[in-house]
């Protein structure tokens, strides 16, 4: 809100103080020219009024014109920016339980670091593996990332996942991150990541579904009988993005519900 500007001048003129005029000698008046004088006075007054009106309208510049017919208001088309600390937008443990049906016992500390891309083969699948890295979030001005699981720690959980938020300075920058993730997911059918010295885990990418403001997909682990899956959701909201992954034998729509929850938390405070 801008400060108050200068106050307008008072519309009332100061009191008029009569001033004594000069003393005139009495002389015999000439023949009456009253009608001519009155007419001249009327014409002069009309010219003065017209001049005042013209000066009043012109002194401040042209009168502000209203919006042109058919023009749209820029305010209506400008999205409301998300201007909150990302960690405050993350779902609570109870909200994670409701969304995923995982009996959450572990929630990790919130991290604000953006790590390097994971090493995947081929490299173009890096964001299909994890979106919270440099390729997608290097331009973010603030981030938050938190893991959860049903065990005493993340590593000892059978069912687990993560939620995260990134805030960018503009909606364009946030949309650019979604485009990068979408390109990686749509261009990747499968990848491997290092698992242990001399070994690697193989994943296939499927169930890809995208809209203008989101994309979802599932990475399915290969070479195992349990068909372990990590479902993922990446969603855009103005200058923010939300990402969630849920890893289980049947993750369902848990990631979508979690990113929807993040968006709901952000919208509530806009």
C-alpha atoms as a PDB file:
ATOM      1  CA  UNK A   1       0.000   0.000   0.000  1.00  0.00           C
ATOM      2  CA  UNK A   2       1.459   3.331  -0.952  1.00  0.00           C
ATOM      3  CA  UNK A   3       1.547   6.191   1.487  1.00  0.00           C
ATOM      4  CA  UNK A   4      -0.976   8.934   1.429  1.00  0.00           C
ATOM      5  CA  UNK A   5      -0.259  11.562  -1.170  1.00  0.00           C
ATOM      6  CA  UNK A   6      -0.473  15.333  -0.681  1.00  0.00           C
ATOM      7  CA  UNK A   7      -3.896  16.485   0.479  1.00  0.00           C
ATOM      8  CA  UNK A   8      -5.953  18.600  -1.956  1.00  0.00           C
ATOM      9  CA  UNK A   9      -6.301  22.297  -1.356  1.00  0.00           C
ATOM     10  CA  UNK A  10      -9.313  23.446   0.592  1.00  0.00           C
ATOM     11  CA  UNK A  11     -12.251  24.031  -1.745  1.00  0.00           C
ATOM     12  CA  UNK A  12     -13.226  27.148   0.205  1.00  0.00           C
ATOM     13  CA  UNK A  13     -11.451  30.471  -0.578  1.00  0.00           C
ATOM     14  CA  UNK A  14     -10.138  32.569   2.304  1.00  0.00           C
ATOM     15  CA  UNK A  15     -12.506  35.264   3.653  1.00  0.00           C
ATOM     16  CA  UNK A  16     -12.537  38.390   1.493  1.00  0.00           C
ATOM     17  CA  UNK A  17     -11.416  41.519   3.323  1.00  0.00           C
ATOM     18  CA  UNK A  18     -12.790  44.793   1.896  1.00  0.00           C
ATOM     19  CA  UNK A  19     -10.129  47.310   1.018  1.00  0.00           C
ATOM     20  CA  UNK A  20     -10.874  51.032   1.032  1.00  0.00           C
ATOM     21  CA  UNK A  21     -10.796  52.405  -2.487  1.00  0.00           C
ATOM     22  CA  UNK A  22      -9.733  55.854  -3.693  1.00  0.00           C
ATOM     23  CA  UNK A  23     -11.979  58.922  -3.226  1.00  0.00           C
ATOM     24  CA  UNK A  24     -13.571  60.150  -6.408  1.00  0.00           C
ATOM     25  CA  UNK A  25     -14.772  63.741  -7.198  1.00  0.00           C
ATOM     26  CA  UNK A  26     -18.409  64.097  -8.072  1.00  0.00           C
ATOM     27  CA  UNK A  27     -18.861  64.754 -11.777  1.00  0.00           C
ATOM     28  CA  UNK A  28     -21.884  64.853 -13.967  1.00  0.00           C
ATOM     29  CA  UNK A  29     -22.266  61.409 -15.570  1.00  0.00           C
ATOM     30  CA  UNK A  30     -22.362  61.143 -19.334  1.00  0.00           C
ATOM     31  CA  UNK A  31     -25.438  59.903 -21.108  1.00  0.00           C
ATOM     32  CA  UNK A  32     -26.402  56.377 -19.933  1.00  0.00           C
ATOM     33  CA  UNK A  33     -24.776  53.414 -21.715  1.00  0.00           C
ATOM     34  CA  UNK A  34     -26.092  50.865 -19.243  1.00  0.00           C
ATOM     35  CA  UNK A  35     -27.347  48.246 -21.723  1.00  0.00           C
ATOM     36  CA  UNK A  36     -24.063  48.263 -23.645  1.00  0.00           C
ATOM     37  CA  UNK A  37     -21.998  47.918 -20.483  1.00  0.00           C
ATOM     38  CA  UNK A  38     -24.202  45.125 -19.175  1.00  0.00           C
ATOM     39  CA  UNK A  39     -23.962  43.229 -22.455  1.00  0.00           C
ATOM     40  CA  UNK A  40     -20.185  43.609 -22.505  1.00  0.00           C
ATOM     41  CA  UNK A  41     -19.982  42.412 -18.922  1.00  0.00           C
ATOM     42  CA  UNK A  42     -22.045  39.328 -19.720  1.00  0.00           C
ATOM     43  CA  UNK A  43     -19.859  38.487 -22.723  1.00  0.00           C
ATOM     44  CA  UNK A  44     -16.670  38.997 -20.678  1.00  0.00           C
ATOM     45  CA  UNK A  45     -17.978  36.814 -17.858  1.00  0.00           C
ATOM     46  CA  UNK A  46     -18.905  34.072 -20.307  1.00  0.00           C
ATOM     47  CA  UNK A  47     -15.406  34.155 -21.825  1.00  0.00           C
ATOM     48  CA  UNK A  48     -13.815  33.975 -18.381  1.00  0.00           C
ATOM     49  CA  UNK A  49     -15.959  30.990 -17.390  1.00  0.00           C
ATOM     50  CA  UNK A  50     -15.140  29.226 -20.645  1.00  0.00           C
ATOM     51  CA  UNK A  51     -11.449  29.908 -20.132  1.00  0.00           C
ATOM     52  CA  UNK A  52     -11.537  28.581 -16.578  1.00  0.00           C
ATOM     53  CA  UNK A  53     -13.297  25.412 -17.676  1.00  0.00           C
ATOM     54  CA  UNK A  54     -10.788  24.860 -20.466  1.00  0.00           C
ATOM     55  CA  UNK A  55      -7.823  25.519 -18.189  1.00  0.00           C
ATOM     56  CA  UNK A  56      -9.240  23.224 -15.513  1.00  0.00           C
ATOM     57  CA  UNK A  57      -9.649  20.307 -17.916  1.00  0.00           C
ATOM     58  CA  UNK A  58      -6.321  20.807 -19.652  1.00  0.00           C
ATOM     59  CA  UNK A  59      -3.935  21.732 -16.838  1.00  0.00           C
ATOM     60  CA  UNK A  60      -3.703  18.199 -15.482  1.00  0.00           C
ATOM     61  CA  UNK A  61      -3.320  16.510 -18.837  1.00  0.00           C
ATOM     62  CA  UNK A  62      -5.945  14.640 -20.748  1.00  0.00           C
ATOM     63  CA  UNK A  63      -8.781  13.161 -18.782  1.00  0.00           C
ATOM     64  CA  UNK A  64      -8.035   9.505 -17.979  1.00  0.00           C
ATOM     65  CA  UNK A  65      -9.799   7.384 -20.521  1.00  0.00           C
ATOM     66  CA  UNK A  66     -11.609   4.217 -19.522  1.00  0.00           C
ATOM     67  CA  UNK A  67     -10.508   0.834 -20.856  1.00  0.00           C
ATOM     68  CA  UNK A  68     -10.973   0.372 -24.564  1.00  0.00           C
ATOM     69  CA  UNK A  69     -13.939  -1.673 -25.605  1.00  0.00           C
ATOM     70  CA  UNK A  70     -13.131  -5.350 -25.598  1.00  0.00           C
ATOM     71  CA  UNK A  71      -9.880  -4.939 -23.656  1.00  0.00           C
ATOM     72  CA  UNK A  72      -9.300  -7.323 -20.752  1.00  0.00           C
ATOM     73  CA  UNK A  73      -8.206  -6.234 -17.323  1.00  0.00           C
ATOM     74  CA  UNK A  74      -4.557  -7.086 -16.692  1.00  0.00           C
ATOM     75  CA  UNK A  75      -5.332  -7.713 -13.027  1.00  0.00           C
ATOM     76  CA  UNK A  76      -7.842 -10.422 -13.860  1.00  0.00           C
ATOM     77  CA  UNK A  77      -5.296 -12.306 -16.008  1.00  0.00           C
ATOM     78  CA  UNK A  78      -2.404 -12.040 -13.554  1.00  0.00           C
ATOM     79  CA  UNK A  79      -2.143 -15.063 -11.226  1.00  0.00           C
ATOM     80  CA  UNK A  80      -1.795 -14.454  -7.522  1.00  0.00           C
ATOM     81  CA  UNK A  81       1.782 -15.240  -6.541  1.00  0.00           C
ATOM     82  CA  UNK A  82       2.628 -17.730  -3.832  1.00  0.00           C
ATOM     83  CA  UNK A  83       4.648 -15.778  -1.263  1.00  0.00           C
ATOM     84  CA  UNK A  84       4.999 -18.175   1.642  1.00  0.00           C
ATOM     85  CA  UNK A  85       7.773 -20.162   3.252  1.00  0.00           C
ATOM     86  CA  UNK A  86       7.670 -23.493   1.356  1.00  0.00           C
ATOM     87  CA  UNK A  87       7.926 -25.601   4.515  1.00  0.00           C
ATOM     88  CA  UNK A  88       4.609 -24.186   5.753  1.00  0.00           C
ATOM     89  CA  UNK A  89       2.876 -25.617   2.674  1.00  0.00           C
ATOM     90  CA  UNK A  90       3.926 -29.235   3.230  1.00  0.00           C
ATOM     91  CA  UNK A  91       1.219 -31.701   4.302  1.00  0.00           C
ATOM     92  CA  UNK A  92       1.127 -32.793   7.925  1.00  0.00           C
ATOM     93  CA  UNK A  93       1.724 -36.413   8.920  1.00  0.00           C
ATOM     94  CA  UNK A  94      -2.035 -36.905   9.309  1.00  0.00           C
ATOM     95  CA  UNK A  95      -2.658 -35.488   5.837  1.00  0.00           C
ATOM     96  CA  UNK A  96      -0.021 -37.858   4.421  1.00  0.00           C
ATOM     97  CA  UNK A  97      -1.737 -40.800   6.138  1.00  0.00           C
ATOM     98  CA  UNK A  98      -5.121 -39.825   4.709  1.00  0.00           C
ATOM     99  CA  UNK A  99      -3.763 -39.312   1.200  1.00  0.00           C
ATOM    100  CA  UNK A 100      -1.589 -42.424   0.965  1.00  0.00           C
ATOM    101  CA  UNK A 101      -3.115 -44.837   3.518  1.00  0.00           C
ATOM    102  CA  UNK A 102       0.440 -45.400   4.754  1.00  0.00           C
ATOM    103  CA  UNK A 103       0.781 -45.772   8.522  1.00  0.00           C
ATOM    104  CA  UNK A 104       3.333 -42.983   8.768  1.00  0.00           C
ATOM    105  CA  UNK A 105       5.692 -43.353  11.715  1.00  0.00           C
ATOM    106  CA  UNK A 106       8.662 -41.443  10.376  1.00  0.00           C
ATOM    107  CA  UNK A 107       8.828 -37.889   9.067  1.00  0.00           C
ATOM    108  CA  UNK A 108      12.253 -36.509   8.271  1.00  0.00           C
ATOM    109  CA  UNK A 109      13.653 -33.081   8.845  1.00  0.00           C
ATOM    110  CA  UNK A 110      12.749 -30.505   6.211  1.00  0.00           C
ATOM    111  CA  UNK A 111      15.594 -29.907   3.780  1.00  0.00           C
ATOM    112  CA  UNK A 112      15.993 -26.689   1.783  1.00  0.00           C
ATOM    113  CA  UNK A 113      18.889 -27.864  -0.385  1.00  0.00           C
ATOM    114  CA  UNK A 114      18.654 -28.454  -4.117  1.00  0.00           C
ATOM    115  CA  UNK A 115      20.917 -31.385  -4.918  1.00  0.00           C
ATOM    116  CA  UNK A 116      22.672 -32.361  -8.123  1.00  0.00           C
ATOM    117  CA  UNK A 117      20.802 -34.514 -10.620  1.00  0.00           C
ATOM    118  CA  UNK A 118      20.873 -38.237  -9.985  1.00  0.00           C
ATOM    119  CA  UNK A 119      23.064 -40.240 -12.318  1.00  0.00           C
ATOM    120  CA  UNK A 120      20.746 -42.095 -14.669  1.00  0.00           C
ATOM    121  CA  UNK A 121      21.315 -44.032 -17.847  1.00  0.00           C
ATOM    122  CA  UNK A 122      20.295 -42.451 -20.153  1.00  0.00           C
ATOM    123  CA  UNK A 123      20.898 -38.967 -18.686  1.00  0.00           C
ATOM    124  CA  UNK A 124      17.673 -37.567 -20.176  1.00  0.00           C
ATOM    125  CA  UNK A 125      15.736 -39.605 -17.602  1.00  0.00           C
ATOM    126  CA  UNK A 126      17.207 -37.761 -14.616  1.00  0.00           C
ATOM    127  CA  UNK A 127      14.024 -35.769 -13.924  1.00  0.00           C
ATOM    128  CA  UNK A 128      11.837 -38.830 -14.437  1.00  0.00           C
ATOM    129  CA  UNK A 129      13.779 -40.275 -11.512  1.00  0.00           C
ATOM    130  CA  UNK A 130      13.717 -37.167  -9.279  1.00  0.00           C
ATOM    131  CA  UNK A 131      12.496 -33.630 -10.009  1.00  0.00           C
ATOM    132  CA  UNK A 132      13.861 -31.878  -6.910  1.00  0.00           C
ATOM    133  CA  UNK A 133      17.326 -31.376  -8.390  1.00  0.00           C
ATOM    134  CA  UNK A 134      19.350 -28.771 -10.243  1.00  0.00           C
ATOM    135  CA  UNK A 135      17.902 -29.337 -13.709  1.00  0.00           C
ATOM    136  CA  UNK A 136      14.394 -28.395 -12.566  1.00  0.00           C
ATOM    137  CA  UNK A 137      14.947 -26.324  -9.429  1.00  0.00           C
ATOM    138  CA  UNK A 138      18.197 -24.414  -9.954  1.00  0.00           C
ATOM    139  CA  UNK A 139      16.220 -21.191 -10.537  1.00  0.00           C
ATOM    140  CA  UNK A 140      14.021 -21.638  -7.440  1.00  0.00           C
ATOM    141  CA  UNK A 141      14.339 -18.915  -4.799  1.00  0.00           C
ATOM    142  CA  UNK A 142      13.266 -21.213  -1.926  1.00  0.00           C
ATOM    143  CA  UNK A 143      12.446 -24.903  -1.514  1.00  0.00           C
ATOM    144  CA  UNK A 144      11.342 -27.481   1.038  1.00  0.00           C
ATOM    145  CA  UNK A 145      11.655 -31.270   0.890  1.00  0.00           C
ATOM    146  CA  UNK A 146      10.531 -33.860   3.463  1.00  0.00           C
ATOM    147  CA  UNK A 147      10.560 -37.658   3.488  1.00  0.00           C
ATOM    148  CA  UNK A 148       8.116 -39.969   5.255  1.00  0.00           C
ATOM    149  CA  UNK A 149       7.789 -43.707   5.830  1.00  0.00           C
ATOM    150  CA  UNK A 150       6.145 -46.457   7.857  1.00  0.00           C
ATOM    151  CA  UNK A 151       9.335 -47.574   9.593  1.00  0.00           C
ATOM    152  CA  UNK A 152      11.517 -46.122  12.325  1.00  0.00           C
ATOM    153  CA  UNK A 153      13.630 -44.450   9.621  1.00  0.00           C
ATOM    154  CA  UNK A 154      13.287 -43.754   5.925  1.00  0.00           C
ATOM    155  CA  UNK A 155      15.789 -46.468   5.004  1.00  0.00           C
ATOM    156  CA  UNK A 156      13.960 -49.051   7.127  1.00  0.00           C
ATOM    157  CA  UNK A 157      10.482 -48.242   5.809  1.00  0.00           C
ATOM    158  CA  UNK A 158       8.619 -50.634   3.541  1.00  0.00           C
ATOM    159  CA  UNK A 159       6.257 -47.971   2.207  1.00  0.00           C
ATOM    160  CA  UNK A 160       7.674 -44.480   1.905  1.00  0.00           C
ATOM    161  CA  UNK A 161       7.756 -41.293  -0.102  1.00  0.00           C
ATOM    162  CA  UNK A 162       8.413 -37.554  -0.077  1.00  0.00           C
ATOM    163  CA  UNK A 163       6.684 -34.208  -0.481  1.00  0.00           C
ATOM    164  CA  UNK A 164       8.295 -31.013  -1.700  1.00  0.00           C
ATOM    165  CA  UNK A 165       7.655 -27.440  -2.806  1.00  0.00           C
ATOM    166  CA  UNK A 166       9.672 -24.938  -4.826  1.00  0.00           C
ATOM    167  CA  UNK A 167       8.946 -21.211  -5.111  1.00  0.00           C
ATOM    168  CA  UNK A 168      10.183 -19.288  -8.151  1.00  0.00           C
ATOM    169  CA  UNK A 169      10.315 -15.537  -8.700  1.00  0.00           C
ATOM    170  CA  UNK A 170       7.868 -15.651 -11.619  1.00  0.00           C
ATOM    171  CA  UNK A 171       5.135 -17.965 -12.945  1.00  0.00           C
ATOM    172  CA  UNK A 172       7.167 -18.255 -16.158  1.00  0.00           C
ATOM    173  CA  UNK A 173      10.121 -19.741 -14.286  1.00  0.00           C
ATOM    174  CA  UNK A 174       7.857 -22.223 -12.503  1.00  0.00           C
ATOM    175  CA  UNK A 175       6.197 -23.211 -15.778  1.00  0.00           C
ATOM    176  CA  UNK A 176       9.643 -23.725 -17.298  1.00  0.00           C
ATOM    177  CA  UNK A 177      10.446 -26.275 -14.589  1.00  0.00           C
ATOM    178  CA  UNK A 178       7.227 -28.161 -15.404  1.00  0.00           C
ATOM    179  CA  UNK A 179       8.173 -28.159 -19.087  1.00  0.00           C
ATOM    180  CA  UNK A 180      11.587 -29.643 -18.277  1.00  0.00           C
ATOM    181  CA  UNK A 181      10.071 -32.383 -16.143  1.00  0.00           C
ATOM    182  CA  UNK A 182       7.481 -33.128 -18.827  1.00  0.00           C
ATOM    183  CA  UNK A 183      10.144 -33.369 -21.532  1.00  0.00           C
ATOM    184  CA  UNK A 184      12.172 -35.794 -19.418  1.00  0.00           C
ATOM    185  CA  UNK A 185       9.206 -38.011 -18.542  1.00  0.00           C
ATOM    186  CA  UNK A 186       7.756 -38.096 -22.063  1.00  0.00           C
ATOM    187  CA  UNK A 187      11.184 -38.785 -23.537  1.00  0.00           C
ATOM    188  CA  UNK A 188      12.028 -41.651 -21.186  1.00  0.00           C
ATOM    189  CA  UNK A 189      10.704 -45.198 -21.308  1.00  0.00           C
ATOM    190  CA  UNK A 190      13.170 -46.644 -18.828  1.00  0.00           C
ATOM    191  CA  UNK A 191      16.413 -45.990 -16.979  1.00  0.00           C
ATOM    192  CA  UNK A 192      18.918 -47.393 -14.544  1.00  0.00           C
ATOM    193  CA  UNK A 193      20.433 -45.815 -11.432  1.00  0.00           C
ATOM    194  CA  UNK A 194      23.422 -46.995  -9.402  1.00  0.00           C
ATOM    195  CA  UNK A 195      22.327 -49.154  -6.500  1.00  0.00           C
ATOM    196  CA  UNK A 196      25.493 -50.610  -5.065  1.00  0.00           C
ATOM    197  CA  UNK A 197      29.096 -50.982  -6.249  1.00  0.00           C
ATOM    198  CA  UNK A 198      28.937 -52.944  -9.466  1.00  0.00           C
ATOM    199  CA  UNK A 199      25.142 -52.991  -9.555  1.00  0.00           C
ATOM    200  CA  UNK A 200      22.219 -50.875 -10.698  1.00  0.00           C
ATOM    201  CA  UNK A 201      18.460 -50.736 -10.406  1.00  0.00           C
ATOM    202  CA  UNK A 202      16.397 -50.744 -13.586  1.00  0.00           C
ATOM    203  CA  UNK A 203      13.100 -48.864 -13.821  1.00  0.00           C
ATOM    204  CA  UNK A 204      10.465 -48.514 -16.519  1.00  0.00           C
ATOM    205  CA  UNK A 205       8.428 -45.327 -16.938  1.00  0.00           C
ATOM    206  CA  UNK A 206       4.699 -45.608 -17.589  1.00  0.00           C
ATOM    207  CA  UNK A 207       1.184 -44.425 -16.736  1.00  0.00           C
ATOM    208  CA  UNK A 208       2.116 -40.953 -17.972  1.00  0.00           C
ATOM    209  CA  UNK A 209      -0.725 -38.443 -17.852  1.00  0.00           C
ATOM    210  CA  UNK A 210      -0.356 -34.703 -18.292  1.00  0.00           C
ATOM    211  CA  UNK A 211      -2.432 -31.532 -18.304  1.00  0.00           C
ATOM    212  CA  UNK A 212      -1.507 -27.885 -18.683  1.00  0.00           C
ATOM    213  CA  UNK A 213      -0.598 -27.516 -15.005  1.00  0.00           C
ATOM    214  CA  UNK A 214       0.562 -31.003 -13.995  1.00  0.00           C
ATOM    215  CA  UNK A 215       2.042 -34.328 -14.947  1.00  0.00           C
ATOM    216  CA  UNK A 216       1.884 -37.749 -13.264  1.00  0.00           C
ATOM    217  CA  UNK A 217       3.780 -40.938 -13.983  1.00  0.00           C
ATOM    218  CA  UNK A 218       4.960 -44.201 -12.391  1.00  0.00           C
ATOM    219  CA  UNK A 219       8.439 -45.688 -12.222  1.00  0.00           C
ATOM    220  CA  UNK A 220       8.212 -49.464 -11.888  1.00  0.00           C
ATOM    221  CA  UNK A 221      11.204 -51.449 -10.691  1.00  0.00           C
ATOM    222  CA  UNK A 222      12.255 -54.191 -13.061  1.00  0.00           C
ATOM    223  CA  UNK A 223      13.704 -57.600 -12.323  1.00  0.00           C
ATOM    224  CA  UNK A 224      11.666 -58.193  -9.159  1.00  0.00           C
ATOM    225  CA  UNK A 225       8.541 -60.223  -8.535  1.00  0.00           C
ATOM    226  CA  UNK A 226       6.853 -57.624  -6.346  1.00  0.00           C
ATOM    227  CA  UNK A 227       6.671 -55.011  -9.133  1.00  0.00           C
ATOM    228  CA  UNK A 228       7.683 -52.249  -6.763  1.00  0.00           C
ATOM    229  CA  UNK A 229       6.345 -48.884  -7.929  1.00  0.00           C
ATOM    230  CA  UNK A 230       7.047 -45.233  -7.244  1.00  0.00           C
ATOM    231  CA  UNK A 231       4.183 -43.046  -8.428  1.00  0.00           C
ATOM    232  CA  UNK A 232       4.890 -39.339  -8.873  1.00  0.00           C
ATOM    233  CA  UNK A 233       2.981 -36.090  -9.300  1.00  0.00           C
ATOM    234  CA  UNK A 234       4.324 -32.677 -10.326  1.00  0.00           C
ATOM    235  CA  UNK A 235       1.895 -29.750 -10.221  1.00  0.00           C
ATOM    236  CA  UNK A 236       2.132 -26.054 -11.044  1.00  0.00           C
ATOM    237  CA  UNK A 237       0.498 -23.180  -9.147  1.00  0.00           C
ATOM    238  CA  UNK A 238       1.412 -19.682 -10.346  1.00  0.00           C
ATOM    239  CA  UNK A 239       5.082 -19.234  -9.346  1.00  0.00           C
ATOM    240  CA  UNK A 240       5.240 -22.458  -7.291  1.00  0.00           C
ATOM    241  CA  UNK A 241       5.480 -26.169  -8.019  1.00  0.00           C
ATOM    242  CA  UNK A 242       4.595 -29.136  -5.827  1.00  0.00           C
ATOM    243  CA  UNK A 243       6.104 -32.603  -6.170  1.00  0.00           C
ATOM    244  CA  UNK A 244       5.297 -35.842  -4.402  1.00  0.00           C
ATOM    245  CA  UNK A 245       6.335 -39.452  -4.760  1.00  0.00           C
ATOM    246  CA  UNK A 246       4.924 -42.538  -3.044  1.00  0.00           C
ATOM    247  CA  UNK A 247       6.737 -45.866  -3.260  1.00  0.00           C
ATOM    248  CA  UNK A 248       4.809 -49.052  -2.465  1.00  0.00           C
ATOM    249  CA  UNK A 249       3.455 -52.148  -4.138  1.00  0.00           C
ATOM    250  CA  UNK A 250       0.274 -50.165  -4.820  1.00  0.00           C
ATOM    251  CA  UNK A 251       0.819 -46.407  -4.381  1.00  0.00           C
ATOM    252  CA  UNK A 252      -2.518 -45.537  -5.996  1.00  0.00           C
ATOM    253  CA  UNK A 253      -3.299 -41.832  -6.356  1.00  0.00           C
ATOM    254  CA  UNK A 254      -1.468 -40.872  -3.170  1.00  0.00           C
ATOM    255  CA  UNK A 255       0.988 -38.509  -4.931  1.00  0.00           C
ATOM    256  CA  UNK A 256      -1.829 -36.633  -6.685  1.00  0.00           C
ATOM    257  CA  UNK A 257      -3.670 -36.150  -3.401  1.00  0.00           C
ATOM    258  CA  UNK A 258      -0.500 -34.859  -1.754  1.00  0.00           C
ATOM    259  CA  UNK A 259       0.270 -32.290  -4.445  1.00  0.00           C
ATOM    260  CA  UNK A 260      -3.392 -31.261  -4.367  1.00  0.00           C
ATOM    261  CA  UNK A 261      -3.041 -30.786  -0.609  1.00  0.00           C
ATOM    262  CA  UNK A 262       0.026 -28.575  -1.098  1.00  0.00           C
ATOM    263  CA  UNK A 263      -1.862 -26.466  -3.638  1.00  0.00           C
ATOM    264  CA  UNK A 264      -4.825 -26.219  -1.237  1.00  0.00           C
ATOM    265  CA  UNK A 265      -2.504 -25.069   1.537  1.00  0.00           C
ATOM    266  CA  UNK A 266      -1.033 -22.399  -0.738  1.00  0.00           C
ATOM    267  CA  UNK A 267      -4.378 -21.215  -2.061  1.00  0.00           C
ATOM    268  CA  UNK A 268      -5.764 -20.874   1.438  1.00  0.00           C
ATOM    269  CA  UNK A 269      -3.130 -18.254   2.260  1.00  0.00           C
ATOM    270  CA  UNK A 270      -3.187 -16.299  -1.018  1.00  0.00           C
END
